[in-house]
Amino acid sequence: MMPKVSVVTVNLNNCTGLEKTIQSVVSQTYKCIEYIVVDGASIDGSVDVIRYYNSHISKWISENDKGVYDAMNKGVDLVSGDWVIFMNSGDAFYNDRIVESLFIKRFDERYSVVYGNVCLCFRRGNIIKDLTPIKAQMPPFCHQSMFVRTEAFKKKGFDLKYTICADYDFAFSLYKSGAEFFHVNLTIANYDMTGISAQRLDLYYKEFSTIEGNYSSLMMLKNIVKSRIRSVFPGLFDALFFWILKFRNKKKEVC
């Protein structure tokens, strides 16, 4: 028996990104996928897109929510698969064989999380980010490249006190509880670097560091400055960020 993989997409008024994501999911060659779409009562035509692909979607709802993580929790409540991954509107799998490449065989029961690398998508180009774990540290994290056993999500879910980092809080809590993470050297997803977590650096790093318990006034000031510079000179900041990552990146793969 192949494990059932539940893919959850949450969306709010992003019909173009939603269709891109739906096409990425429904084109997967793996046959045992359950697809859940949670829409936040969009008024931009997103519901029409969902209805167009209705035959490829296992379950969907469109209703008001309390934010992206509330919508993601609603998605978890609807899944029935063995594993869950969130591929939200605008995200996409790296290619159409990714899920099959991973789940053509079963992973050992001791693993709660299976994750791979991610393709960071900038306006200037794309970079493969190698998320190979570093010994004795929390594994590198990106929810678009992370498959989690459903029972782990059902136990905790996302903490709504976080605006940007509830997904990291969830993964960090799993790690601290002793859950085992398994890294596969595959690029799982394309990650849009123009999204909210990439734009609001001050809030992102504040929540991120609060979760790990090492947030300081100096760190807060530094990240507020970063965020303000990005808001005033977005093109320059993004270009520098892109080239710094490109310089540090050891992989030559192009995505």
C-alpha atoms as a PDB file:
ATOM      1  CA  MET A   1       0.000   0.000   0.000  1.00  0.00           C
ATOM      2  CA  MET A   2       1.347   3.397  -0.977  1.00  0.00           C
ATOM      3  CA  PRO A   3       1.078   6.045   1.764  1.00  0.00           C
ATOM      4  CA  LYS A   4      -1.572   8.683   1.127  1.00  0.00           C
ATOM      5  CA  VAL A   5      -0.114  12.187   0.873  1.00  0.00           C
ATOM      6  CA  SER A   6      -2.405  15.110   1.701  1.00  0.00           C
ATOM      7  CA  VAL A   7      -1.488  18.370  -0.017  1.00  0.00           C
ATOM      8  CA  VAL A   8      -3.148  21.457   1.491  1.00  0.00           C
ATOM      9  CA  THR A   9      -3.386  24.821  -0.269  1.00  0.00           C
ATOM     10  CA  VAL A  10      -4.640  27.929   1.515  1.00  0.00           C
ATOM     11  CA  ASN A  11      -5.532  31.024  -0.467  1.00  0.00           C
ATOM     12  CA  LEU A  12      -6.916  34.541  -0.157  1.00  0.00           C
ATOM     13  CA  ASN A  13      -7.563  36.695  -3.220  1.00  0.00           C
ATOM     14  CA  ASN A  14      -4.690  35.265  -5.238  1.00  0.00           C
ATOM     15  CA  CYS A  15      -6.439  33.540  -8.117  1.00  0.00           C
ATOM     16  CA  THR A  16      -3.372  33.635 -10.388  1.00  0.00           C
ATOM     17  CA  GLY A  17      -1.103  32.100  -7.756  1.00  0.00           C
ATOM     18  CA  LEU A  18      -3.817  29.631  -6.798  1.00  0.00           C
ATOM     19  CA  GLU A  19      -4.143  28.294 -10.332  1.00  0.00           C
ATOM     20  CA  LYS A  20      -0.366  27.947 -10.592  1.00  0.00           C
ATOM     21  CA  THR A  21      -0.317  25.917  -7.385  1.00  0.00           C
ATOM     22  CA  ILE A  22      -3.298  23.754  -8.330  1.00  0.00           C
ATOM     23  CA  GLN A  23      -1.674  22.908 -11.669  1.00  0.00           C
ATOM     24  CA  SER A  24       1.535  21.991  -9.860  1.00  0.00           C
ATOM     25  CA  VAL A  25      -0.323  19.633  -7.520  1.00  0.00           C
ATOM     26  CA  VAL A  26      -2.632  17.956 -10.032  1.00  0.00           C
ATOM     27  CA  SER A  27       0.269  17.300 -12.424  1.00  0.00           C
ATOM     28  CA  GLN A  28       2.065  15.113  -9.857  1.00  0.00           C
ATOM     29  CA  THR A  29       2.621  11.577 -11.134  1.00  0.00           C
ATOM     30  CA  TYR A  30       2.053  10.043  -7.697  1.00  0.00           C
ATOM     31  CA  LYS A  31      -1.415   8.482  -7.658  1.00  0.00           C
ATOM     32  CA  CYS A  32      -2.202   8.476  -3.933  1.00  0.00           C
ATOM     33  CA  ILE A  33      -2.650  12.226  -3.314  1.00  0.00           C
ATOM     34  CA  GLU A  34      -5.505  13.862  -1.436  1.00  0.00           C
ATOM     35  CA  TYR A  35      -5.830  17.536  -2.335  1.00  0.00           C
ATOM     36  CA  ILE A  36      -7.434  20.041   0.055  1.00  0.00           C
ATOM     37  CA  VAL A  37      -8.021  23.720  -0.776  1.00  0.00           C
ATOM     38  CA  VAL A  38      -8.970  26.230   1.934  1.00  0.00           C
ATOM     39  CA  ASP A  39     -10.011  29.631   0.620  1.00  0.00           C
ATOM     40  CA  GLY A  40     -10.608  32.645   2.855  1.00  0.00           C
ATOM     41  CA  ALA A  41     -13.837  33.859   1.206  1.00  0.00           C
ATOM     42  CA  SER A  42     -11.955  35.406  -1.730  1.00  0.00           C
ATOM     43  CA  ILE A  43     -13.721  37.903  -3.977  1.00  0.00           C
ATOM     44  CA  ASP A  44     -11.232  37.961  -6.863  1.00  0.00           C
ATOM     45  CA  GLY A  45     -12.366  34.909  -8.821  1.00  0.00           C
ATOM     46  CA  SER A  46     -10.428  32.343  -6.772  1.00  0.00           C
ATOM     47  CA  VAL A  47     -13.584  30.325  -6.118  1.00  0.00           C
ATOM     48  CA  ASP A  48     -14.185  30.119  -9.872  1.00  0.00           C
ATOM     49  CA  VAL A  49     -10.682  28.688 -10.273  1.00  0.00           C
ATOM     50  CA  ILE A  50     -11.379  26.109  -7.558  1.00  0.00           C
ATOM     51  CA  ARG A  51     -14.645  25.103  -9.234  1.00  0.00           C
ATOM     52  CA  TYR A  52     -12.877  24.767 -12.599  1.00  0.00           C
ATOM     53  CA  TYR A  53     -10.461  22.210 -11.081  1.00  0.00           C
ATOM     54  CA  ASN A  54     -13.096  20.673  -8.819  1.00  0.00           C
ATOM     55  CA  SER A  55     -12.670  17.171 -10.265  1.00  0.00           C
ATOM     56  CA  HIS A  56      -9.005  17.197  -9.130  1.00  0.00           C
ATOM     57  CA  ILE A  57      -9.722  18.478  -5.616  1.00  0.00           C
ATOM     58  CA  SER A  58     -10.736  16.087  -2.833  1.00  0.00           C
ATOM     59  CA  LYS A  59     -12.262  18.712  -0.522  1.00  0.00           C
ATOM     60  CA  TRP A  60     -12.487  22.484  -0.491  1.00  0.00           C
ATOM     61  CA  ILE A  61     -14.068  25.255   1.546  1.00  0.00           C
ATOM     62  CA  SER A  62     -14.370  29.009   1.117  1.00  0.00           C
ATOM     63  CA  GLU A  63     -15.112  30.946   4.287  1.00  0.00           C
ATOM     64  CA  ASN A  64     -13.738  33.709   6.488  1.00  0.00           C
ATOM     65  CA  ASP A  65     -10.829  32.861   8.752  1.00  0.00           C
ATOM     66  CA  LYS A  66      -8.495  34.489  11.281  1.00  0.00           C
ATOM     67  CA  GLY A  67      -5.449  34.483   9.033  1.00  0.00           C
ATOM     68  CA  VAL A  68      -3.188  32.134   7.120  1.00  0.00           C
ATOM     69  CA  TYR A  69      -2.425  29.812  10.054  1.00  0.00           C
ATOM     70  CA  ASP A  70      -6.077  29.535  11.024  1.00  0.00           C
ATOM     71  CA  ALA A  71      -6.764  28.500   7.426  1.00  0.00           C
ATOM     72  CA  MET A  72      -3.899  25.998   7.578  1.00  0.00           C
ATOM     73  CA  ASN A  73      -5.343  24.512  10.775  1.00  0.00           C
ATOM     74  CA  LYS A  74      -8.684  24.147   8.996  1.00  0.00           C
ATOM     75  CA  GLY A  75      -6.868  22.286   6.246  1.00  0.00           C
ATOM     76  CA  VAL A  76      -5.326  19.863   8.743  1.00  0.00           C
ATOM     77  CA  ASP A  77      -8.803  19.153  10.155  1.00  0.00           C
ATOM     78  CA  LEU A  78      -9.903  18.021   6.684  1.00  0.00           C
ATOM     79  CA  VAL A  79      -7.025  15.708   5.761  1.00  0.00           C
ATOM     80  CA  SER A  80      -7.126  11.926   5.954  1.00  0.00           C
ATOM     81  CA  GLY A  81      -3.701  11.083   4.526  1.00  0.00           C
ATOM     82  CA  ASP A  82      -0.629   9.605   6.208  1.00  0.00           C
ATOM     83  CA  TRP A  83       1.515  12.674   5.442  1.00  0.00           C
ATOM     84  CA  VAL A  84       0.707  16.381   5.047  1.00  0.00           C
ATOM     85  CA  ILE A  85       2.477  19.133   3.114  1.00  0.00           C
ATOM     86  CA  PHE A  86       1.346  22.752   2.681  1.00  0.00           C
ATOM     87  CA  MET A  87       1.686  24.117  -0.828  1.00  0.00           C
ATOM     88  CA  ASN A  88      -0.064  27.459  -0.512  1.00  0.00           C
ATOM     89  CA  SER A  89      -1.242  29.690  -3.358  1.00  0.00           C
ATOM     90  CA  GLY A  90       1.752  30.846  -5.380  1.00  0.00           C
ATOM     91  CA  ASP A  91       3.926  27.898  -4.264  1.00  0.00           C
ATOM     92  CA  ALA A  92       4.712  24.965  -6.538  1.00  0.00           C
ATOM     93  CA  PHE A  93       6.382  21.594  -6.474  1.00  0.00           C
ATOM     94  CA  TYR A  94       9.814  21.656  -8.109  1.00  0.00           C
ATOM     95  CA  ASN A  95       8.723  19.171 -10.766  1.00  0.00           C
ATOM     96  CA  ASP A  96       5.847  16.764 -11.418  1.00  0.00           C
ATOM     97  CA  ARG A  97       7.634  13.670 -10.060  1.00  0.00           C
ATOM     98  CA  ILE A  98       8.638  14.993  -6.634  1.00  0.00           C
ATOM     99  CA  VAL A  99       5.961  13.262  -4.541  1.00  0.00           C
ATOM    100  CA  GLU A 100       6.455   9.989  -6.392  1.00  0.00           C
ATOM    101  CA  SER A 101      10.228  10.209  -5.952  1.00  0.00           C
ATOM    102  CA  LEU A 102       9.764  10.397  -2.184  1.00  0.00           C
ATOM    103  CA  PHE A 103       6.845   8.110  -1.446  1.00  0.00           C
ATOM    104  CA  ILE A 104       7.349   5.278  -3.899  1.00  0.00           C
ATOM    105  CA  LYS A 105       8.649   3.546  -0.752  1.00  0.00           C
ATOM    106  CA  ARG A 106       7.664   3.835   2.898  1.00  0.00           C
ATOM    107  CA  PHE A 107       9.779   5.727   5.405  1.00  0.00           C
ATOM    108  CA  ASP A 108      10.677   4.196   8.749  1.00  0.00           C
ATOM    109  CA  GLU A 109       7.957   4.771  11.362  1.00  0.00           C
ATOM    110  CA  ARG A 110      10.377   6.606  13.629  1.00  0.00           C
ATOM    111  CA  TYR A 111      10.505   9.618  11.297  1.00  0.00           C
ATOM    112  CA  SER A 112       7.918  12.334  11.945  1.00  0.00           C
ATOM    113  CA  VAL A 113       9.193  14.719   9.263  1.00  0.00           C
ATOM    114  CA  VAL A 114      10.664  14.095   5.816  1.00  0.00           C
ATOM    115  CA  TYR A 115      12.046  17.191   4.115  1.00  0.00           C
ATOM    116  CA  GLY A 116      14.273  18.242   1.237  1.00  0.00           C
ATOM    117  CA  ASN A 117      15.822  21.316  -0.323  1.00  0.00           C
ATOM    118  CA  VAL A 118      14.047  24.357  -1.733  1.00  0.00           C
ATOM    119  CA  CYS A 119      14.395  26.584  -4.779  1.00  0.00           C
ATOM    120  CA  LEU A 120      14.364  30.253  -3.718  1.00  0.00           C
ATOM    121  CA  CYS A 121      12.686  32.301  -6.455  1.00  0.00           C
ATOM    122  CA  PHE A 122      13.866  35.920  -6.713  1.00  0.00           C
ATOM    123  CA  ARG A 123      13.029  38.469  -9.385  1.00  0.00           C
ATOM    124  CA  ARG A 124      16.645  38.200 -10.578  1.00  0.00           C
ATOM    125  CA  GLY A 125      16.743  34.413 -10.722  1.00  0.00           C
ATOM    126  CA  ASN A 126      16.479  31.261  -8.683  1.00  0.00           C
ATOM    127  CA  ILE A 127      18.837  29.585  -6.217  1.00  0.00           C
ATOM    128  CA  ILE A 128      18.726  26.069  -4.812  1.00  0.00           C
ATOM    129  CA  LYS A 129      18.967  26.247  -1.013  1.00  0.00           C
ATOM    130  CA  ASP A 130      20.545  23.111   0.412  1.00  0.00           C
ATOM    131  CA  LEU A 131      18.740  22.302   3.682  1.00  0.00           C
ATOM    132  CA  THR A 132      21.092  19.504   4.767  1.00  0.00           C
ATOM    133  CA  PRO A 133      20.932  19.358   8.592  1.00  0.00           C
ATOM    134  CA  ILE A 134      23.806  20.557  10.755  1.00  0.00           C
ATOM    135  CA  LYS A 135      24.641  18.216  13.603  1.00  0.00           C
ATOM    136  CA  ALA A 136      23.177  19.154  17.019  1.00  0.00           C
ATOM    137  CA  GLN A 137      21.084  22.004  15.592  1.00  0.00           C
ATOM    138  CA  MET A 138      17.453  22.369  14.587  1.00  0.00           C
ATOM    139  CA  PRO A 139      17.245  21.154  10.958  1.00  0.00           C
ATOM    140  CA  PRO A 140      16.937  23.945   8.365  1.00  0.00           C
ATOM    141  CA  PHE A 141      13.293  24.619   7.716  1.00  0.00           C
ATOM    142  CA  CYS A 142      10.889  25.563   4.909  1.00  0.00           C
ATOM    143  CA  HIS A 143       7.316  24.317   5.165  1.00  0.00           C
ATOM    144  CA  GLN A 144       6.974  24.045   1.373  1.00  0.00           C
ATOM    145  CA  SER A 145       9.641  21.332   1.395  1.00  0.00           C
ATOM    146  CA  MET A 146       8.451  19.499   4.533  1.00  0.00           C
ATOM    147  CA  PHE A 147       6.160  16.450   4.733  1.00  0.00           C
ATOM    148  CA  VAL A 148       4.849  15.792   8.252  1.00  0.00           C
ATOM    149  CA  ARG A 149       3.032  12.744   9.572  1.00  0.00           C
ATOM    150  CA  THR A 150      -0.619  13.654   9.959  1.00  0.00           C
ATOM    151  CA  GLU A 151      -0.856  12.557  13.588  1.00  0.00           C
ATOM    152  CA  ALA A 152       1.848  15.096  14.495  1.00  0.00           C
ATOM    153  CA  PHE A 153      -0.242  17.919  13.000  1.00  0.00           C
ATOM    154  CA  LYS A 154      -3.428  16.648  14.624  1.00  0.00           C
ATOM    155  CA  LYS A 155      -1.779  16.808  18.081  1.00  0.00           C
ATOM    156  CA  LYS A 156      -0.628  20.427  17.929  1.00  0.00           C
ATOM    157  CA  GLY A 157      -1.456  22.466  14.839  1.00  0.00           C
ATOM    158  CA  PHE A 158      -0.299  26.060  14.370  1.00  0.00           C
ATOM    159  CA  ASP A 159      -0.229  28.591  17.209  1.00  0.00           C
ATOM    160  CA  LEU A 160      -2.241  31.629  16.073  1.00  0.00           C
ATOM    161  CA  LYS A 161      -0.278  34.048  18.271  1.00  0.00           C
ATOM    162  CA  TYR A 162       2.370  34.069  15.528  1.00  0.00           C
ATOM    163  CA  THR A 163       1.718  36.102  12.380  1.00  0.00           C
ATOM    164  CA  ILE A 164       4.571  34.798  10.218  1.00  0.00           C
ATOM    165  CA  CYS A 165       6.423  32.052  12.080  1.00  0.00           C
ATOM    166  CA  ALA A 166       3.754  29.653  13.376  1.00  0.00           C
ATOM    167  CA  ASP A 167       5.042  27.045  10.919  1.00  0.00           C
ATOM    168  CA  TYR A 168       8.554  27.342  12.352  1.00  0.00           C
ATOM    169  CA  ASP A 169       7.136  27.238  15.888  1.00  0.00           C
ATOM    170  CA  PHE A 170       5.392  23.977  14.990  1.00  0.00           C
ATOM    171  CA  ALA A 171       8.557  22.409  13.536  1.00  0.00           C
ATOM    172  CA  PHE A 172      10.720  23.668  16.421  1.00  0.00           C
ATOM    173  CA  SER A 173       8.269  22.217  18.963  1.00  0.00           C
ATOM    174  CA  LEU A 174       8.428  18.854  17.192  1.00  0.00           C
ATOM    175  CA  TYR A 175      12.213  18.963  17.220  1.00  0.00           C
ATOM    176  CA  LYS A 176      12.382  19.894  20.911  1.00  0.00           C
ATOM    177  CA  SER A 177      10.007  17.045  21.758  1.00  0.00           C
ATOM    178  CA  GLY A 178      12.443  14.546  20.238  1.00  0.00           C
ATOM    179  CA  ALA A 179      10.731  13.953  16.880  1.00  0.00           C
ATOM    180  CA  GLU A 180      13.079  12.638  14.195  1.00  0.00           C
ATOM    181  CA  PHE A 181      13.606  14.554  10.947  1.00  0.00           C
ATOM    182  CA  PHE A 182      14.817  12.810   7.777  1.00  0.00           C
ATOM    183  CA  HIS A 183      16.528  14.844   5.051  1.00  0.00           C
ATOM    184  CA  VAL A 184      16.398  13.758   1.411  1.00  0.00           C
ATOM    185  CA  ASN A 185      18.744  15.380  -1.083  1.00  0.00           C
ATOM    186  CA  LEU A 186      15.995  16.433  -3.480  1.00  0.00           C
ATOM    187  CA  THR A 187      14.635  19.887  -4.286  1.00  0.00           C
ATOM    188  CA  ILE A 188      10.996  19.720  -3.228  1.00  0.00           C
ATOM    189  CA  ALA A 189       9.456  23.107  -3.966  1.00  0.00           C
ATOM    190  CA  ASN A 190       9.781  26.571  -5.430  1.00  0.00           C
ATOM    191  CA  TYR A 191       9.552  29.253  -2.735  1.00  0.00           C
ATOM    192  CA  ASP A 192       8.458  32.756  -3.731  1.00  0.00           C
ATOM    193  CA  MET A 193      10.849  35.230  -2.100  1.00  0.00           C
ATOM    194  CA  THR A 194       8.378  38.084  -2.623  1.00  0.00           C
ATOM    195  CA  GLY A 195       5.957  36.679  -0.013  1.00  0.00           C
ATOM    196  CA  ILE A 196       5.078  38.203   3.363  1.00  0.00           C
ATOM    197  CA  SER A 197       7.712  36.365   5.432  1.00  0.00           C
ATOM    198  CA  ALA A 198      10.420  37.500   3.013  1.00  0.00           C
ATOM    199  CA  GLN A 199       9.172  41.109   2.989  1.00  0.00           C
ATOM    200  CA  ARG A 200       8.533  41.708   6.722  1.00  0.00           C
ATOM    201  CA  LEU A 201      12.027  40.898   7.967  1.00  0.00           C
ATOM    202  CA  ASP A 202      11.589  42.747  11.261  1.00  0.00           C
ATOM    203  CA  LEU A 203       8.492  40.763  12.249  1.00  0.00           C
ATOM    204  CA  TYR A 204       9.853  37.517  10.828  1.00  0.00           C
ATOM    205  CA  TYR A 205      13.094  37.621  12.819  1.00  0.00           C
ATOM    206  CA  LYS A 206      11.348  38.841  15.975  1.00  0.00           C
ATOM    207  CA  GLU A 207       8.960  35.874  15.975  1.00  0.00           C
ATOM    208  CA  PHE A 208      11.691  33.479  14.830  1.00  0.00           C
ATOM    209  CA  SER A 209      14.068  34.510  17.615  1.00  0.00           C
ATOM    210  CA  THR A 210      11.313  34.608  20.254  1.00  0.00           C
ATOM    211  CA  ILE A 211      10.531  30.964  19.493  1.00  0.00           C
ATOM    212  CA  GLU A 212      14.162  30.004  20.013  1.00  0.00           C
ATOM    213  CA  GLY A 213      14.412  32.214  23.101  1.00  0.00           C
ATOM    214  CA  ASN A 214      17.346  34.331  21.970  1.00  0.00           C
ATOM    215  CA  TYR A 215      15.764  37.624  20.939  1.00  0.00           C
ATOM    216  CA  SER A 216      17.566  40.801  22.028  1.00  0.00           C
ATOM    217  CA  SER A 217      17.079  44.545  21.692  1.00  0.00           C
ATOM    218  CA  LEU A 218      20.146  44.733  19.445  1.00  0.00           C
ATOM    219  CA  MET A 219      18.744  42.029  17.167  1.00  0.00           C
ATOM    220  CA  MET A 220      15.400  43.829  17.079  1.00  0.00           C
ATOM    221  CA  LEU A 221      17.070  47.105  16.072  1.00  0.00           C
ATOM    222  CA  LYS A 222      19.169  45.400  13.403  1.00  0.00           C
ATOM    223  CA  ASN A 223      16.182  43.727  11.794  1.00  0.00           C
ATOM    224  CA  ILE A 224      14.003  46.832  11.949  1.00  0.00           C
ATOM    225  CA  VAL A 225      16.768  48.660  10.058  1.00  0.00           C
ATOM    226  CA  LYS A 226      16.919  45.838   7.494  1.00  0.00           C
ATOM    227  CA  SER A 227      13.173  45.971   6.989  1.00  0.00           C
ATOM    228  CA  ARG A 228      13.150  49.768   6.622  1.00  0.00           C
ATOM    229  CA  ILE A 229      15.978  49.666   4.064  1.00  0.00           C
ATOM    230  CA  ARG A 230      14.091  47.051   2.097  1.00  0.00           C
ATOM    231  CA  SER A 231      10.901  49.135   2.154  1.00  0.00           C
ATOM    232  CA  VAL A 232      12.751  52.213   0.806  1.00  0.00           C
ATOM    233  CA  PHE A 233      15.138  50.436  -1.599  1.00  0.00           C
ATOM    234  CA  PRO A 234      13.430  47.121  -2.392  1.00  0.00           C
ATOM    235  CA  GLY A 235      15.252  46.506  -5.662  1.00  0.00           C
ATOM    236  CA  LEU A 236      18.701  47.178  -4.208  1.00  0.00           C
ATOM    237  CA  PHE A 237      18.053  45.088  -1.079  1.00  0.00           C
ATOM    238  CA  ASP A 238      16.682  42.138  -3.047  1.00  0.00           C
ATOM    239  CA  ALA A 239      19.623  42.280  -5.456  1.00  0.00           C
ATOM    240  CA  LEU A 240      22.146  42.230  -2.587  1.00  0.00           C
ATOM    241  CA  PHE A 241      20.281  39.399  -0.847  1.00  0.00           C
ATOM    242  CA  PHE A 242      20.213  37.407  -4.083  1.00  0.00           C
ATOM    243  CA  TRP A 243      23.923  37.814  -4.797  1.00  0.00           C
ATOM    244  CA  ILE A 244      24.938  37.068  -1.184  1.00  0.00           C
ATOM    245  CA  LEU A 245      22.968  33.808  -1.293  1.00  0.00           C
ATOM    246  CA  LYS A 246      24.338  33.009  -4.723  1.00  0.00           C
ATOM    247  CA  PHE A 247      27.895  33.530  -3.465  1.00  0.00           C
ATOM    248  CA  ARG A 248      27.300  31.327  -0.413  1.00  0.00           C
ATOM    249  CA  ASN A 249      25.445  28.652  -2.319  1.00  0.00           C
ATOM    250  CA  LYS A 250      27.585  25.632  -3.070  1.00  0.00           C
ATOM    251  CA  LYS A 251      25.163  23.945  -5.453  1.00  0.00           C
ATOM    252  CA  LYS A 252      25.409  24.603  -9.189  1.00  0.00           C
ATOM    253  CA  GLU A 253      21.927  23.336  -9.969  1.00  0.00           C
ATOM    254  CA  VAL A 254      19.703  25.829 -11.770  1.00  0.00           C
ATOM    255  CA  CYS A 255      15.964  25.822 -11.058  1.00  0.00           C
END
